Amino acid sequence: MKIVEVTWMDAHSQDAWHEKLESSLRSCQTAGYLVLDTDDAIVIAGMVDLEPPVTYACAMTIPKSAIKKMRKIG
């Protein structure tokens, strides 16, 4: 199972009243086990329990359209 570092763009919310609003996105980095890679998204997990049945924790789905860079670690 590959471990990857992903740089991706995230939404930015502003929950208070403002006179001016920003339209900027936030650049984020996440690292973890690459569990699933589809045409539309990837799923990475922070932890994997390899004892059968294999289970995952701290999983995150990132749309491929938001990914700027992904590299294999190790």
N, C-alpha and C. Protein backbone atom coordinates (compact mmCIF):
# COMPACT_ATOMS: atom_id res chain seq x y z
N MET A 1 0.84 -1.17 0.00
CA MET A 1 0.00 0.00 0.00
C MET A 1 0.89 1.24 0.00
N LYS A 2 0.65 2.14 -0.95
CA LYS A 2 1.47 3.34 -1.07
C LYS A 2 1.12 4.38 -0.01
N ILE A 3 2.14 5.10 0.45
CA ILE A 3 1.94 6.28 1.29
C ILE A 3 2.23 7.49 0.40
N VAL A 4 1.31 8.45 0.40
CA VAL A 4 1.43 9.61 -0.48
C VAL A 4 1.27 10.92 0.30
N GLU A 5 1.84 11.97 -0.28
CA GLU A 5 1.61 13.33 0.20
C GLU A 5 0.84 14.05 -0.89
N VAL A 6 -0.28 14.65 -0.53
CA VAL A 6 -1.16 15.30 -1.50
C VAL A 6 -1.27 16.79 -1.18
N THR A 7 -1.05 17.61 -2.19
CA THR A 7 -1.30 19.05 -2.08
C THR A 7 -2.59 19.31 -2.83
N TRP A 8 -3.55 19.93 -2.14
CA TRP A 8 -4.87 20.12 -2.73
C TRP A 8 -5.48 21.44 -2.29
N MET A 9 -6.43 21.92 -3.05
CA MET A 9 -7.10 23.18 -2.76
C MET A 9 -8.40 22.90 -2.02
N ASP A 10 -8.61 23.65 -0.93
CA ASP A 10 -9.79 23.44 -0.11
C ASP A 10 -10.68 24.68 -0.14
N ALA A 11 -11.94 24.47 0.15
CA ALA A 11 -12.89 25.58 0.25
C ALA A 11 -12.55 26.45 1.46
N HIS A 12 -13.00 27.69 1.42
CA HIS A 12 -12.74 28.64 2.51
C HIS A 12 -14.08 29.25 2.90
N SER A 13 -14.46 29.11 4.15
CA SER A 13 -15.74 29.69 4.58
C SER A 13 -15.52 30.88 5.50
N GLN A 14 -16.49 31.77 5.50
CA GLN A 14 -16.47 32.95 6.36
C GLN A 14 -17.84 33.02 7.04
N ASP A 15 -17.88 32.74 8.33
CA ASP A 15 -19.16 32.57 8.99
C ASP A 15 -19.68 33.79 9.76
N ALA A 16 -19.00 34.90 9.68
CA ALA A 16 -19.47 36.11 10.35
C ALA A 16 -19.88 37.13 9.30
N TRP A 17 -20.46 38.26 9.74
CA TRP A 17 -20.83 39.32 8.82
C TRP A 17 -19.57 40.09 8.40
N HIS A 18 -19.43 40.34 7.09
CA HIS A 18 -18.27 41.06 6.55
C HIS A 18 -18.74 42.08 5.52
N GLU A 19 -18.03 43.19 5.43
CA GLU A 19 -18.30 44.15 4.36
C GLU A 19 -17.71 43.67 3.05
N LYS A 20 -16.56 43.01 3.13
CA LYS A 20 -15.90 42.47 1.93
C LYS A 20 -15.70 40.98 2.14
N LEU A 21 -15.88 40.21 1.09
CA LEU A 21 -15.68 38.77 1.15
C LEU A 21 -14.50 38.36 0.29
N GLU A 22 -13.79 37.36 0.72
CA GLU A 22 -12.67 36.82 -0.05
C GLU A 22 -13.17 35.66 -0.90
N SER A 23 -12.54 35.49 -2.03
CA SER A 23 -12.87 34.34 -2.87
C SER A 23 -11.69 33.38 -2.97
N SER A 24 -10.76 33.49 -2.04
CA SER A 24 -9.56 32.67 -2.10
C SER A 24 -9.82 31.25 -1.63
N LEU A 25 -9.08 30.34 -2.20
CA LEU A 25 -9.07 28.95 -1.75
C LEU A 25 -7.85 28.75 -0.88
N ARG A 26 -7.83 27.70 -0.11
CA ARG A 26 -6.71 27.40 0.78
C ARG A 26 -5.94 26.20 0.26
N SER A 27 -4.62 26.34 0.21
CA SER A 27 -3.76 25.24 -0.18
C SER A 27 -3.49 24.37 1.05
N CYS A 28 -3.73 23.07 0.93
CA CYS A 28 -3.57 22.15 2.05
C CYS A 28 -2.65 21.00 1.65
N GLN A 29 -2.05 20.37 2.64
CA GLN A 29 -1.27 19.16 2.41
C GLN A 29 -1.74 18.08 3.37
N THR A 30 -1.86 16.88 2.85
CA THR A 30 -2.28 15.73 3.63
C THR A 30 -1.40 14.56 3.22
N ALA A 31 -1.03 13.73 4.19
CA ALA A 31 -0.26 12.52 3.90
C ALA A 31 -0.98 11.33 4.51
N GLY A 32 -0.90 10.19 3.82
CA GLY A 32 -1.52 8.99 4.34
C GLY A 32 -1.42 7.84 3.37
N TYR A 33 -2.09 6.76 3.73
CA TYR A 33 -2.12 5.56 2.89
C TYR A 33 -3.12 5.75 1.77
N LEU A 34 -2.69 5.52 0.53
CA LEU A 34 -3.59 5.63 -0.61
C LEU A 34 -4.43 4.36 -0.67
N VAL A 35 -5.69 4.48 -0.28
CA VAL A 35 -6.59 3.34 -0.17
C VAL A 35 -7.34 3.10 -1.47
N LEU A 36 -7.75 4.18 -2.15
CA LEU A 36 -8.57 4.07 -3.35
C LEU A 36 -8.21 5.20 -4.30
N ASP A 37 -8.15 4.88 -5.58
CA ASP A 37 -7.84 5.87 -6.62
C ASP A 37 -8.81 5.62 -7.77
N THR A 38 -9.82 6.50 -7.90
CA THR A 38 -10.81 6.36 -8.96
C THR A 38 -10.61 7.47 -9.99
N ASP A 39 -11.46 7.50 -11.01
CA ASP A 39 -11.38 8.57 -12.01
C ASP A 39 -11.67 9.94 -11.41
N ASP A 40 -12.52 9.99 -10.37
CA ASP A 40 -12.97 11.26 -9.81
C ASP A 40 -12.29 11.69 -8.52
N ALA A 41 -11.77 10.74 -7.74
CA ALA A 41 -11.27 11.08 -6.41
C ALA A 41 -10.26 10.05 -5.92
N ILE A 42 -9.55 10.45 -4.86
CA ILE A 42 -8.70 9.50 -4.14
C ILE A 42 -9.21 9.43 -2.70
N VAL A 43 -8.91 8.33 -2.04
CA VAL A 43 -9.20 8.18 -0.62
C VAL A 43 -7.89 7.83 0.06
N ILE A 44 -7.52 8.63 1.07
CA ILE A 44 -6.33 8.32 1.85
C ILE A 44 -6.75 8.12 3.30
N ALA A 45 -6.04 7.25 3.98
CA ALA A 45 -6.34 6.96 5.39
C ALA A 45 -5.11 7.25 6.23
N GLY A 46 -5.33 7.74 7.42
CA GLY A 46 -4.24 8.03 8.34
C GLY A 46 -3.72 6.78 9.04
N MET A 47 -4.61 5.81 9.22
CA MET A 47 -4.23 4.58 9.91
C MET A 47 -4.84 3.38 9.21
N VAL A 48 -4.10 2.27 9.23
CA VAL A 48 -4.58 1.02 8.65
C VAL A 48 -4.31 -0.10 9.66
N ASP A 49 -5.33 -0.89 9.95
CA ASP A 49 -5.17 -2.08 10.79
C ASP A 49 -5.09 -3.27 9.83
N LEU A 50 -3.92 -3.88 9.74
CA LEU A 50 -3.68 -4.92 8.74
C LEU A 50 -4.19 -6.29 9.15
N GLU A 51 -4.64 -6.45 10.39
CA GLU A 51 -5.19 -7.74 10.80
C GLU A 51 -6.52 -7.96 10.08
N PRO A 52 -6.73 -9.16 9.55
CA PRO A 52 -8.00 -9.42 8.85
C PRO A 52 -9.21 -9.29 9.78
N PRO A 53 -10.27 -8.65 9.35
CA PRO A 53 -10.38 -7.94 8.08
C PRO A 53 -9.68 -6.58 8.18
N VAL A 54 -8.99 -6.18 7.12
CA VAL A 54 -8.27 -4.90 7.09
C VAL A 54 -9.29 -3.77 7.27
N THR A 55 -8.98 -2.84 8.19
CA THR A 55 -9.86 -1.69 8.42
C THR A 55 -9.04 -0.40 8.38
N TYR A 56 -9.73 0.71 8.15
CA TYR A 56 -9.09 2.01 7.99
C TYR A 56 -9.69 3.02 8.95
N ALA A 57 -8.88 3.99 9.38
CA ALA A 57 -9.37 5.08 10.22
C ALA A 57 -8.84 6.40 9.69
N CYS A 58 -9.52 7.48 10.04
CA CYS A 58 -9.13 8.84 9.62
C CYS A 58 -9.03 8.93 8.10
N ALA A 59 -10.03 8.44 7.41
CA ALA A 59 -10.04 8.45 5.94
C ALA A 59 -10.56 9.78 5.42
N MET A 60 -10.00 10.20 4.28
CA MET A 60 -10.39 11.45 3.65
C MET A 60 -10.52 11.23 2.15
N THR A 61 -11.62 11.72 1.58
CA THR A 61 -11.81 11.68 0.14
C THR A 61 -11.49 13.05 -0.43
N ILE A 62 -10.62 13.09 -1.43
CA ILE A 62 -10.23 14.35 -2.07
C ILE A 62 -10.58 14.26 -3.54
N PRO A 63 -11.39 15.19 -4.05
CA PRO A 63 -11.71 15.18 -5.48
C PRO A 63 -10.45 15.41 -6.31
N LYS A 64 -10.32 14.69 -7.40
CA LYS A 64 -9.15 14.86 -8.27
C LYS A 64 -9.05 16.28 -8.82
N SER A 65 -10.19 16.94 -9.01
CA SER A 65 -10.16 18.31 -9.53
C SER A 65 -9.52 19.28 -8.55
N ALA A 66 -9.43 18.92 -7.27
CA ALA A 66 -8.82 19.78 -6.26
C ALA A 66 -7.33 19.50 -6.05
N ILE A 67 -6.84 18.39 -6.59
CA ILE A 67 -5.45 17.98 -6.35
C ILE A 67 -4.51 18.76 -7.26
N LYS A 68 -3.50 19.38 -6.66
CA LYS A 68 -2.47 20.11 -7.41
C LYS A 68 -1.22 19.26 -7.59
N LYS A 69 -0.91 18.41 -6.59
CA LYS A 69 0.30 17.59 -6.66
C LYS A 69 0.11 16.38 -5.76
N MET A 70 0.63 15.24 -6.19
CA MET A 70 0.64 14.05 -5.35
C MET A 70 1.95 13.33 -5.59
N ARG A 71 2.63 12.97 -4.49
CA ARG A 71 3.90 12.26 -4.63
C ARG A 71 3.94 11.10 -3.66
N LYS A 72 4.60 10.06 -4.11
CA LYS A 72 4.78 8.86 -3.28
C LYS A 72 5.85 9.16 -2.23
N ILE A 73 5.63 8.72 -1.00
CA ILE A 73 6.59 8.86 0.08
C ILE A 73 7.23 7.50 0.33
N GLY A 74 8.54 7.48 0.42
CA GLY A 74 9.25 6.23 0.71
C GLY A 74 9.46 5.32 -0.44
